[in-house]
Amino acid sequence: MGALIIQLLSGAVGGNLAGSFMKNWSLGTLGNSIVGILGGGIGGQLLGMLGIATGGGGMDIGSIIGSIAGGGVGGGVLLAIIGMIKKAMGK
């Protein structure tokens, strides 16, 4: 459960960082956070299924870093995807 919370929080951070770097695809702070949380959960779970992020469910330093990385990257990637779709639909 702790790994999931870390993934969700780092996903929110990753979504907001991605939104600040990619202004054209930003959804605003709240939108970036929501999409980042979703992406963080999805990304962290995908990496966990591959055995990369969770380290067998333990809370050692490697697992924590993996959860942060998986959540942050997942949040940023999902924000980029949603932002591109939103921009394409706006044309």
PDB file of N, CA and C in Angstrom:
ATOM      1  N   MET A   1       0.821  -1.189   0.000  1.00  0.00           N
ATOM      2  CA  MET A   1       0.000   0.000   0.000  1.00  0.00           C
ATOM      3  C   MET A   1       0.868   1.257   0.000  1.00  0.00           C
ATOM      4  N   GLY A   2       1.991   1.192   0.674  1.00  0.00           N
ATOM      5  CA  GLY A   2       2.894   2.340   0.718  1.00  0.00           C
ATOM      6  C   GLY A   2       3.477   2.670  -0.643  1.00  0.00           C
ATOM      7  N   ALA A   3       3.782   1.626  -1.418  1.00  0.00           N
ATOM      8  CA  ALA A   3       4.328   1.851  -2.756  1.00  0.00           C
ATOM      9  C   ALA A   3       3.314   2.552  -3.645  1.00  0.00           C
ATOM     10  N   LEU A   4       2.042   2.185  -3.533  1.00  0.00           N
ATOM     11  CA  LEU A   4       1.001   2.821  -4.340  1.00  0.00           C
ATOM     12  C   LEU A   4       0.863   4.298  -4.000  1.00  0.00           C
ATOM     13  N   ILE A   5       0.917   4.636  -2.732  1.00  0.00           N
ATOM     14  CA  ILE A   5       0.828   6.043  -2.318  1.00  0.00           C
ATOM     15  C   ILE A   5       2.006   6.833  -2.877  1.00  0.00           C
ATOM     16  N   ILE A   6       3.192   6.253  -2.813  1.00  0.00           N
ATOM     17  CA  ILE A   6       4.379   6.911  -3.367  1.00  0.00           C
ATOM     18  C   ILE A   6       4.215   7.111  -4.869  1.00  0.00           C
ATOM     19  N   GLN A   7       3.698   6.100  -5.564  1.00  0.00           N
ATOM     20  CA  GLN A   7       3.502   6.194  -7.006  1.00  0.00           C
ATOM     21  C   GLN A   7       2.493   7.286  -7.361  1.00  0.00           C
ATOM     22  N   LEU A   8       1.417   7.379  -6.610  1.00  0.00           N
ATOM     23  CA  LEU A   8       0.394   8.385  -6.882  1.00  0.00           C
ATOM     24  C   LEU A   8       0.925   9.793  -6.642  1.00  0.00           C
ATOM     25  N   LEU A   9       1.637   9.970  -5.531  1.00  0.00           N
ATOM     26  CA  LEU A   9       2.200  11.295  -5.239  1.00  0.00           C
ATOM     27  C   LEU A   9       3.257  11.692  -6.261  1.00  0.00           C
ATOM     28  N   SER A  10       4.131  10.759  -6.607  1.00  0.00           N
ATOM     29  CA  SER A  10       5.157  11.092  -7.596  1.00  0.00           C
ATOM     30  C   SER A  10       4.537  11.272  -8.979  1.00  0.00           C
ATOM     31  N   GLY A  11       3.426  10.610  -9.247  1.00  0.00           N
ATOM     32  CA  GLY A  11       2.705  10.829 -10.499  1.00  0.00           C
ATOM     33  C   GLY A  11       2.165  12.238 -10.588  1.00  0.00           C
ATOM     34  N   ALA A  12       1.621  12.749  -9.476  1.00  0.00           N
ATOM     35  CA  ALA A  12       1.126  14.136  -9.458  1.00  0.00           C
ATOM     36  C   ALA A  12       2.270  15.107  -9.709  1.00  0.00           C
ATOM     37  N   VAL A  13       3.390  14.860  -9.084  1.00  0.00           N
ATOM     38  CA  VAL A  13       4.570  15.722  -9.301  1.00  0.00           C
ATOM     39  C   VAL A  13       5.040  15.612 -10.751  1.00  0.00           C
ATOM     40  N   GLY A  14       5.107  14.389 -11.271  1.00  0.00           N
ATOM     41  CA  GLY A  14       5.528  14.178 -12.650  1.00  0.00           C
ATOM     42  C   GLY A  14       4.598  14.848 -13.642  1.00  0.00           C
ATOM     43  N   GLY A  15       3.291  14.779 -13.392  1.00  0.00           N
ATOM     44  CA  GLY A  15       2.324  15.437 -14.264  1.00  0.00           C
ATOM     45  C   GLY A  15       2.485  16.946 -14.259  1.00  0.00           C
ATOM     46  N   ASN A  16       2.706  17.518 -13.098  1.00  0.00           N
ATOM     47  CA  ASN A  16       2.891  18.971 -13.014  1.00  0.00           C
ATOM     48  C   ASN A  16       4.223  19.411 -13.617  1.00  0.00           C
ATOM     49  N   LEU A  17       5.264  18.623 -13.432  1.00  0.00           N
ATOM     50  CA  LEU A  17       6.546  18.949 -14.069  1.00  0.00           C
ATOM     51  C   LEU A  17       6.426  18.886 -15.588  1.00  0.00           C
ATOM     52  N   ALA A  18       5.765  17.844 -16.077  1.00  0.00           N
ATOM     53  CA  ALA A  18       5.578  17.725 -17.526  1.00  0.00           C
ATOM     54  C   ALA A  18       4.753  18.895 -18.054  1.00  0.00           C
ATOM     55  N   GLY A  19       3.730  19.289 -17.320  1.00  0.00           N
ATOM     56  CA  GLY A  19       2.912  20.427 -17.731  1.00  0.00           C
ATOM     57  C   GLY A  19       3.685  21.731 -17.740  1.00  0.00           C
ATOM     58  N   SER A  20       4.622  21.879 -16.816  1.00  0.00           N
ATOM     59  CA  SER A  20       5.408  23.111 -16.784  1.00  0.00           C
ATOM     60  C   SER A  20       6.447  23.151 -17.914  1.00  0.00           C
ATOM     61  N   PHE A  21       6.921  21.977 -18.341  1.00  0.00           N
ATOM     62  CA  PHE A  21       7.886  21.930 -19.445  1.00  0.00           C
ATOM     63  C   PHE A  21       7.202  21.982 -20.803  1.00  0.00           C
ATOM     64  N   MET A  22       5.994  21.454 -20.884  1.00  0.00           N
ATOM     65  CA  MET A  22       5.257  21.399 -22.151  1.00  0.00           C
ATOM     66  C   MET A  22       4.012  22.276 -22.035  1.00  0.00           C
ATOM     67  N   LYS A  23       4.202  23.565 -22.094  1.00  0.00           N
ATOM     68  CA  LYS A  23       3.107  24.519 -21.883  1.00  0.00           C
ATOM     69  C   LYS A  23       1.939  24.300 -22.840  1.00  0.00           C
ATOM     70  N   ASN A  24       2.210  23.882 -24.077  1.00  0.00           N
ATOM     71  CA  ASN A  24       1.141  23.685 -25.051  1.00  0.00           C
ATOM     72  C   ASN A  24       0.220  22.538 -24.683  1.00  0.00           C
ATOM     73  N   TRP A  25       0.704  21.585 -23.913  1.00  0.00           N
ATOM     74  CA  TRP A  25      -0.089  20.414 -23.550  1.00  0.00           C
ATOM     75  C   TRP A  25      -0.564  20.451 -22.100  1.00  0.00           C
ATOM     76  N   SER A  26      -0.262  21.519 -21.381  1.00  0.00           N
ATOM     77  CA  SER A  26      -0.641  21.614 -19.980  1.00  0.00           C
ATOM     78  C   SER A  26      -2.155  21.675 -19.831  1.00  0.00           C
ATOM     79  N   LEU A  27      -2.661  21.065 -18.782  1.00  0.00           N
ATOM     80  CA  LEU A  27      -4.091  21.057 -18.486  1.00  0.00           C
ATOM     81  C   LEU A  27      -4.416  21.922 -17.276  1.00  0.00           C
ATOM     82  N   GLY A  28      -3.482  22.735 -16.849  1.00  0.00           N
ATOM     83  CA  GLY A  28      -3.648  23.509 -15.621  1.00  0.00           C
ATOM     84  C   GLY A  28      -3.186  22.678 -14.436  1.00  0.00           C
ATOM     85  N   THR A  29      -2.985  23.326 -13.324  1.00  0.00           N
ATOM     86  CA  THR A  29      -2.440  22.626 -12.151  1.00  0.00           C
ATOM     87  C   THR A  29      -3.318  21.467 -11.708  1.00  0.00           C
ATOM     88  N   LEU A  30      -4.620  21.692 -11.615  1.00  0.00           N
ATOM     89  CA  LEU A  30      -5.512  20.627 -11.156  1.00  0.00           C
ATOM     90  C   LEU A  30      -5.575  19.497 -12.179  1.00  0.00           C
ATOM     91  N   GLY A  31      -5.700  19.835 -13.448  1.00  0.00           N
ATOM     92  CA  GLY A  31      -5.744  18.814 -14.495  1.00  0.00           C
ATOM     93  C   GLY A  31      -4.445  18.035 -14.571  1.00  0.00           C
ATOM     94  N   ASN A  32      -3.324  18.734 -14.494  1.00  0.00           N
ATOM     95  CA  ASN A  32      -2.018  18.064 -14.501  1.00  0.00           C
ATOM     96  C   ASN A  32      -1.895  17.103 -13.323  1.00  0.00           C
ATOM     97  N   SER A  33      -2.375  17.528 -12.164  1.00  0.00           N
ATOM     98  CA  SER A  33      -2.286  16.683 -10.964  1.00  0.00           C
ATOM     99  C   SER A  33      -3.153  15.438 -11.098  1.00  0.00           C
ATOM    100  N   ILE A  34      -4.381  15.609 -11.582  1.00  0.00           N
ATOM    101  CA  ILE A  34      -5.287  14.466 -11.708  1.00  0.00           C
ATOM    102  C   ILE A  34      -4.758  13.464 -12.724  1.00  0.00           C
ATOM    103  N   VAL A  35      -4.361  13.962 -13.891  1.00  0.00           N
ATOM    104  CA  VAL A  35      -3.817  13.064 -14.918  1.00  0.00           C
ATOM    105  C   VAL A  35      -2.520  12.435 -14.422  1.00  0.00           C
ATOM    106  N   GLY A  36      -1.691  13.204 -13.719  1.00  0.00           N
ATOM    107  CA  GLY A  36      -0.451  12.668 -13.170  1.00  0.00           C
ATOM    108  C   GLY A  36      -0.692  11.573 -12.149  1.00  0.00           C
ATOM    109  N   ILE A  37      -1.693  11.747 -11.300  1.00  0.00           N
ATOM    110  CA  ILE A  37      -2.023  10.716 -10.307  1.00  0.00           C
ATOM    111  C   ILE A  37      -2.452   9.430 -11.010  1.00  0.00           C
ATOM    112  N   LEU A  38      -3.313   9.572 -12.012  1.00  0.00           N
ATOM    113  CA  LEU A  38      -3.741   8.388 -12.766  1.00  0.00           C
ATOM    114  C   LEU A  38      -2.558   7.726 -13.465  1.00  0.00           C
ATOM    115  N   GLY A  39      -1.738   8.531 -14.124  1.00  0.00           N
ATOM    116  CA  GLY A  39      -0.565   7.990 -14.813  1.00  0.00           C
ATOM    117  C   GLY A  39       0.439   7.383 -13.857  1.00  0.00           C
ATOM    118  N   GLY A  40       0.592   7.994 -12.693  1.00  0.00           N
ATOM    119  CA  GLY A  40       1.502   7.448 -11.689  1.00  0.00           C
ATOM    120  C   GLY A  40       1.060   6.084 -11.201  1.00  0.00           C
ATOM    121  N   GLY A  41      -0.237   5.934 -10.962  1.00  0.00           N
ATOM    122  CA  GLY A  41      -0.763   4.637 -10.547  1.00  0.00           C
ATOM    123  C   GLY A  41      -0.608   3.583 -11.624  1.00  0.00           C
ATOM    124  N   ILE A  42      -0.935   3.975 -12.862  1.00  0.00           N
ATOM    125  CA  ILE A  42      -0.822   3.031 -13.976  1.00  0.00           C
ATOM    126  C   ILE A  42       0.636   2.673 -14.234  1.00  0.00           C
ATOM    127  N   GLY A  43       1.495   3.685 -14.321  1.00  0.00           N
ATOM    128  CA  GLY A  43       2.913   3.434 -14.595  1.00  0.00           C
ATOM    129  C   GLY A  43       3.573   2.611 -13.508  1.00  0.00           C
ATOM    130  N   GLY A  44       3.271   2.941 -12.268  1.00  0.00           N
ATOM    131  CA  GLY A  44       3.850   2.182 -11.165  1.00  0.00           C
ATOM    132  C   GLY A  44       3.392   0.739 -11.150  1.00  0.00           C
ATOM    133  N   GLN A  45       2.117   0.512 -11.453  1.00  0.00           N
ATOM    134  CA  GLN A  45       1.602  -0.853 -11.470  1.00  0.00           C
ATOM    135  C   GLN A  45       2.184  -1.656 -12.632  1.00  0.00           C
ATOM    136  N   LEU A  46       2.342  -0.994 -13.793  1.00  0.00           N
ATOM    137  CA  LEU A  46       2.954  -1.690 -14.929  1.00  0.00           C
ATOM    138  C   LEU A  46       4.388  -2.101 -14.621  1.00  0.00           C
ATOM    139  N   LEU A  47       5.140  -1.195 -14.028  1.00  0.00           N
ATOM    140  CA  LEU A  47       6.513  -1.544 -13.660  1.00  0.00           C
ATOM    141  C   LEU A  47       6.541  -2.609 -12.570  1.00  0.00           C
ATOM    142  N   GLY A  48       5.577  -2.555 -11.673  1.00  0.00           N
ATOM    143  CA  GLY A  48       5.484  -3.572 -10.633  1.00  0.00           C
ATOM    144  C   GLY A  48       5.202  -4.952 -11.201  1.00  0.00           C
ATOM    145  N   MET A  49       4.343  -5.006 -12.236  1.00  0.00           N
ATOM    146  CA  MET A  49       4.042  -6.283 -12.882  1.00  0.00           C
ATOM    147  C   MET A  49       5.285  -6.845 -13.579  1.00  0.00           C
ATOM    148  N   LEU A  50       6.148  -5.944 -14.039  1.00  0.00           N
ATOM    149  CA  LEU A  50       7.394  -6.375 -14.659  1.00  0.00           C
ATOM    150  C   LEU A  50       8.464  -6.708 -13.624  1.00  0.00           C
ATOM    151  N   GLY A  51       8.184  -6.414 -12.352  1.00  0.00           N
ATOM    152  CA  GLY A  51       9.137  -6.689 -11.292  1.00  0.00           C
ATOM    153  C   GLY A  51      10.219  -5.634 -11.157  1.00  0.00           C
ATOM    154  N   ILE A  52       9.996  -4.463 -11.750  1.00  0.00           N
ATOM    155  CA  ILE A  52      11.017  -3.416 -11.738  1.00  0.00           C
ATOM    156  C   ILE A  52      10.835  -2.463 -10.561  1.00  0.00           C
ATOM    157  N   ALA A  53       9.618  -2.037 -10.289  1.00  0.00           N
ATOM    158  CA  ALA A  53       9.404  -0.939  -9.350  1.00  0.00           C
ATOM    159  C   ALA A  53       9.182  -1.375  -7.917  1.00  0.00           C
ATOM    160  N   THR A  54       8.635  -2.546  -7.665  1.00  0.00           N
ATOM    161  CA  THR A  54       8.231  -2.846  -6.302  1.00  0.00           C
ATOM    162  C   THR A  54       9.195  -3.731  -5.544  1.00  0.00           C
ATOM    163  N   GLY A  55      10.055  -4.425  -6.210  1.00  0.00           N
ATOM    164  CA  GLY A  55      11.019  -5.269  -5.510  1.00  0.00           C
ATOM    165  C   GLY A  55      10.373  -6.332  -4.650  1.00  0.00           C
ATOM    166  N   GLY A  56       9.249  -6.899  -5.102  1.00  0.00           N
ATOM    167  CA  GLY A  56       8.582  -7.946  -4.347  1.00  0.00           C
ATOM    168  C   GLY A  56       7.681  -7.420  -3.256  1.00  0.00           C
ATOM    169  N   GLY A  57       7.351  -6.152  -3.273  1.00  0.00           N
ATOM    170  CA  GLY A  57       6.426  -5.593  -2.316  1.00  0.00           C
ATOM    171  C   GLY A  57       7.082  -5.029  -1.074  1.00  0.00           C
ATOM    172  N   GLY A  58       8.385  -5.137  -0.930  1.00  0.00           N
ATOM    173  CA  GLY A  58       9.075  -4.591   0.235  1.00  0.00           C
ATOM    174  C   GLY A  58       9.230  -3.086   0.142  1.00  0.00           C
ATOM    175  N   MET A  59       9.653  -2.472   1.229  1.00  0.00           N
ATOM    176  CA  MET A  59       9.834  -1.026   1.254  1.00  0.00           C
ATOM    177  C   MET A  59      11.304  -0.679   1.479  1.00  0.00           C
ATOM    178  N   ASP A  60      12.196  -1.325   0.743  1.00  0.00           N
ATOM    179  CA  ASP A  60      13.599  -0.961   0.827  1.00  0.00           C
ATOM    180  C   ASP A  60      13.853   0.245  -0.072  1.00  0.00           C
ATOM    181  N   ILE A  61      15.047   0.785  -0.040  1.00  0.00           N
ATOM    182  CA  ILE A  61      15.353   2.020  -0.772  1.00  0.00           C
ATOM    183  C   ILE A  61      15.205   1.828  -2.278  1.00  0.00           C
ATOM    184  N   GLY A  62      15.559   0.656  -2.784  1.00  0.00           N
ATOM    185  CA  GLY A  62      15.410   0.387  -4.211  1.00  0.00           C
ATOM    186  C   GLY A  62      13.956   0.403  -4.646  1.00  0.00           C
ATOM    187  N   SER A  63      13.088  -0.170  -3.819  1.00  0.00           N
ATOM    188  CA  SER A  63      11.663  -0.184  -4.125  1.00  0.00           C
ATOM    189  C   SER A  63      11.072   1.217  -4.095  1.00  0.00           C
ATOM    190  N   ILE A  64      11.500   2.007  -3.135  1.00  0.00           N
ATOM    191  CA  ILE A  64      10.997   3.377  -3.024  1.00  0.00           C
ATOM    192  C   ILE A  64      11.431   4.194  -4.231  1.00  0.00           C
ATOM    193  N   ILE A  65      12.685   4.085  -4.612  1.00  0.00           N
ATOM    194  CA  ILE A  65      13.179   4.827  -5.784  1.00  0.00           C
ATOM    195  C   ILE A  65      12.478   4.351  -7.052  1.00  0.00           C
ATOM    196  N   GLY A  66      12.262   3.047  -7.174  1.00  0.00           N
ATOM    197  CA  GLY A  66      11.539   2.510  -8.319  1.00  0.00           C
ATOM    198  C   GLY A  66      10.113   3.010  -8.384  1.00  0.00           C
ATOM    199  N   SER A  67       9.462   3.100  -7.228  1.00  0.00           N
ATOM    200  CA  SER A  67       8.091   3.608  -7.185  1.00  0.00           C
ATOM    201  C   SER A  67       8.028   5.082  -7.564  1.00  0.00           C
ATOM    202  N   ILE A  68       8.996   5.848  -7.085  1.00  0.00           N
ATOM    203  CA  ILE A  68       9.044   7.273  -7.427  1.00  0.00           C
ATOM    204  C   ILE A  68       9.272   7.449  -8.920  1.00  0.00           C
ATOM    205  N   ALA A  69      10.237   6.703  -9.456  1.00  0.00           N
ATOM    206  CA  ALA A  69      10.539   6.813 -10.886  1.00  0.00           C
ATOM    207  C   ALA A  69       9.362   6.349 -11.732  1.00  0.00           C
ATOM    208  N   GLY A  70       8.786   5.216 -11.400  1.00  0.00           N
ATOM    209  CA  GLY A  70       7.653   4.694 -12.166  1.00  0.00           C
ATOM    210  C   GLY A  70       6.453   5.611 -12.121  1.00  0.00           C
ATOM    211  N   GLY A  71       6.151   6.136 -10.948  1.00  0.00           N
ATOM    212  CA  GLY A  71       5.028   7.055 -10.813  1.00  0.00           C
ATOM    213  C   GLY A  71       5.255   8.367 -11.530  1.00  0.00           C
ATOM    214  N   GLY A  72       6.446   8.920 -11.376  1.00  0.00           N
ATOM    215  CA  GLY A  72       6.747  10.203 -12.026  1.00  0.00           C
ATOM    216  C   GLY A  72       6.745  10.114 -13.531  1.00  0.00           C
ATOM    217  N   VAL A  73       7.366   9.067 -14.053  1.00  0.00           N
ATOM    218  CA  VAL A  73       7.405   8.886 -15.505  1.00  0.00           C
ATOM    219  C   VAL A  73       6.001   8.582 -16.033  1.00  0.00           C
ATOM    220  N   GLY A  74       5.273   7.729 -15.333  1.00  0.00           N
ATOM    221  CA  GLY A  74       3.905   7.415 -15.757  1.00  0.00           C
ATOM    222  C   GLY A  74       3.019   8.648 -15.788  1.00  0.00           C
ATOM    223  N   GLY A  75       3.145   9.497 -14.778  1.00  0.00           N
ATOM    224  CA  GLY A  75       2.362  10.732 -14.744  1.00  0.00           C
ATOM    225  C   GLY A  75       2.719  11.671 -15.875  1.00  0.00           C
ATOM    226  N   GLY A  76       3.998  11.818 -16.140  1.00  0.00           N
ATOM    227  CA  GLY A  76       4.443  12.693 -17.227  1.00  0.00           C
ATOM    228  C   GLY A  76       4.035  12.172 -18.593  1.00  0.00           C
ATOM    229  N   VAL A  77       4.154  10.876 -18.796  1.00  0.00           N
ATOM    230  CA  VAL A  77       3.800  10.286 -20.090  1.00  0.00           C
ATOM    231  C   VAL A  77       2.301  10.395 -20.348  1.00  0.00           C
ATOM    232  N   LEU A  78       1.487  10.076 -19.335  1.00  0.00           N
ATOM    233  CA  LEU A  78       0.041  10.170 -19.535  1.00  0.00           C
ATOM    234  C   LEU A  78      -0.378  11.611 -19.786  1.00  0.00           C
ATOM    235  N   LEU A  79       0.243  12.567 -19.108  1.00  0.00           N
ATOM    236  CA  LEU A  79      -0.077  13.969 -19.353  1.00  0.00           C
ATOM    237  C   LEU A  79       0.267  14.350 -20.789  1.00  0.00           C
ATOM    238  N   ALA A  80       1.403  13.904 -21.289  1.00  0.00           N
ATOM    239  CA  ALA A  80       1.782  14.208 -22.670  1.00  0.00           C
ATOM    240  C   ALA A  80       0.782  13.615 -23.651  1.00  0.00           C
ATOM    241  N   ILE A  81       0.349  12.390 -23.408  1.00  0.00           N
ATOM    242  CA  ILE A  81      -0.619  11.742 -24.298  1.00  0.00           C
ATOM    243  C   ILE A  81      -1.951  12.493 -24.277  1.00  0.00           C
ATOM    244  N   ILE A  82      -2.464  12.771 -23.083  1.00  0.00           N
ATOM    245  CA  ILE A  82      -3.753  13.474 -22.960  1.00  0.00           C
ATOM    246  C   ILE A  82      -3.627  14.885 -23.550  1.00  0.00           C
ATOM    247  N   GLY A  83      -2.510  15.558 -23.292  1.00  0.00           N
ATOM    248  CA  GLY A  83      -2.305  16.898 -23.827  1.00  0.00           C
ATOM    249  C   GLY A  83      -2.281  16.918 -25.340  1.00  0.00           C
ATOM    250  N   MET A  84      -1.623  15.933 -25.957  1.00  0.00           N
ATOM    251  CA  MET A  84      -1.591  15.851 -27.423  1.00  0.00           C
ATOM    252  C   MET A  84      -2.997  15.605 -27.988  1.00  0.00           C
ATOM    253  N   ILE A  85      -3.737  14.722 -27.345  1.00  0.00           N
ATOM    254  CA  ILE A  85      -5.102  14.452 -27.800  1.00  0.00           C
ATOM    255  C   ILE A  85      -5.980  15.688 -27.674  1.00  0.00           C
ATOM    256  N   LYS A  86      -5.858  16.375 -26.544  1.00  0.00           N
ATOM    257  CA  LYS A  86      -6.646  17.597 -26.321  1.00  0.00           C
ATOM    258  C   LYS A  86      -6.307  18.656 -27.365  1.00  0.00           C
ATOM    259  N   LYS A  87      -5.026  18.835 -27.638  1.00  0.00           N
ATOM    260  CA  LYS A  87      -4.605  19.838 -28.615  1.00  0.00           C
ATOM    261  C   LYS A  87      -5.077  19.465 -30.011  1.00  0.00           C
ATOM    262  N   ALA A  88      -5.003  18.176 -30.378  1.00  0.00           N
ATOM    263  CA  ALA A  88      -5.452  17.725 -31.696  1.00  0.00           C
ATOM    264  C   ALA A  88      -6.955  17.904 -31.856  1.00  0.00           C
ATOM    265  N   MET A  89      -7.708  17.709 -30.800  1.00  0.00           N
ATOM    266  CA  MET A  89      -9.160  17.884 -30.884  1.00  0.00           C
ATOM    267  C   MET A  89      -9.573  19.349 -30.948  1.00  0.00           C
ATOM    268  N   GLY A  90      -8.707  20.220 -30.469  1.00  0.00           N
ATOM    269  CA  GLY A  90      -8.993  21.653 -30.469  1.00  0.00           C
ATOM    270  C   GLY A  90      -8.811  22.319 -31.808  1.00  0.00           C
ATOM    271  N   LYS A  91      -8.189  21.641 -32.751  1.00  0.00           N
ATOM    272  CA  LYS A  91      -7.932  22.232 -34.073  1.00  0.00           C
ATOM    273  C   LYS A  91      -9.128  22.165 -34.954  1.00  0.00           C
TER     274      LYS A  91
END
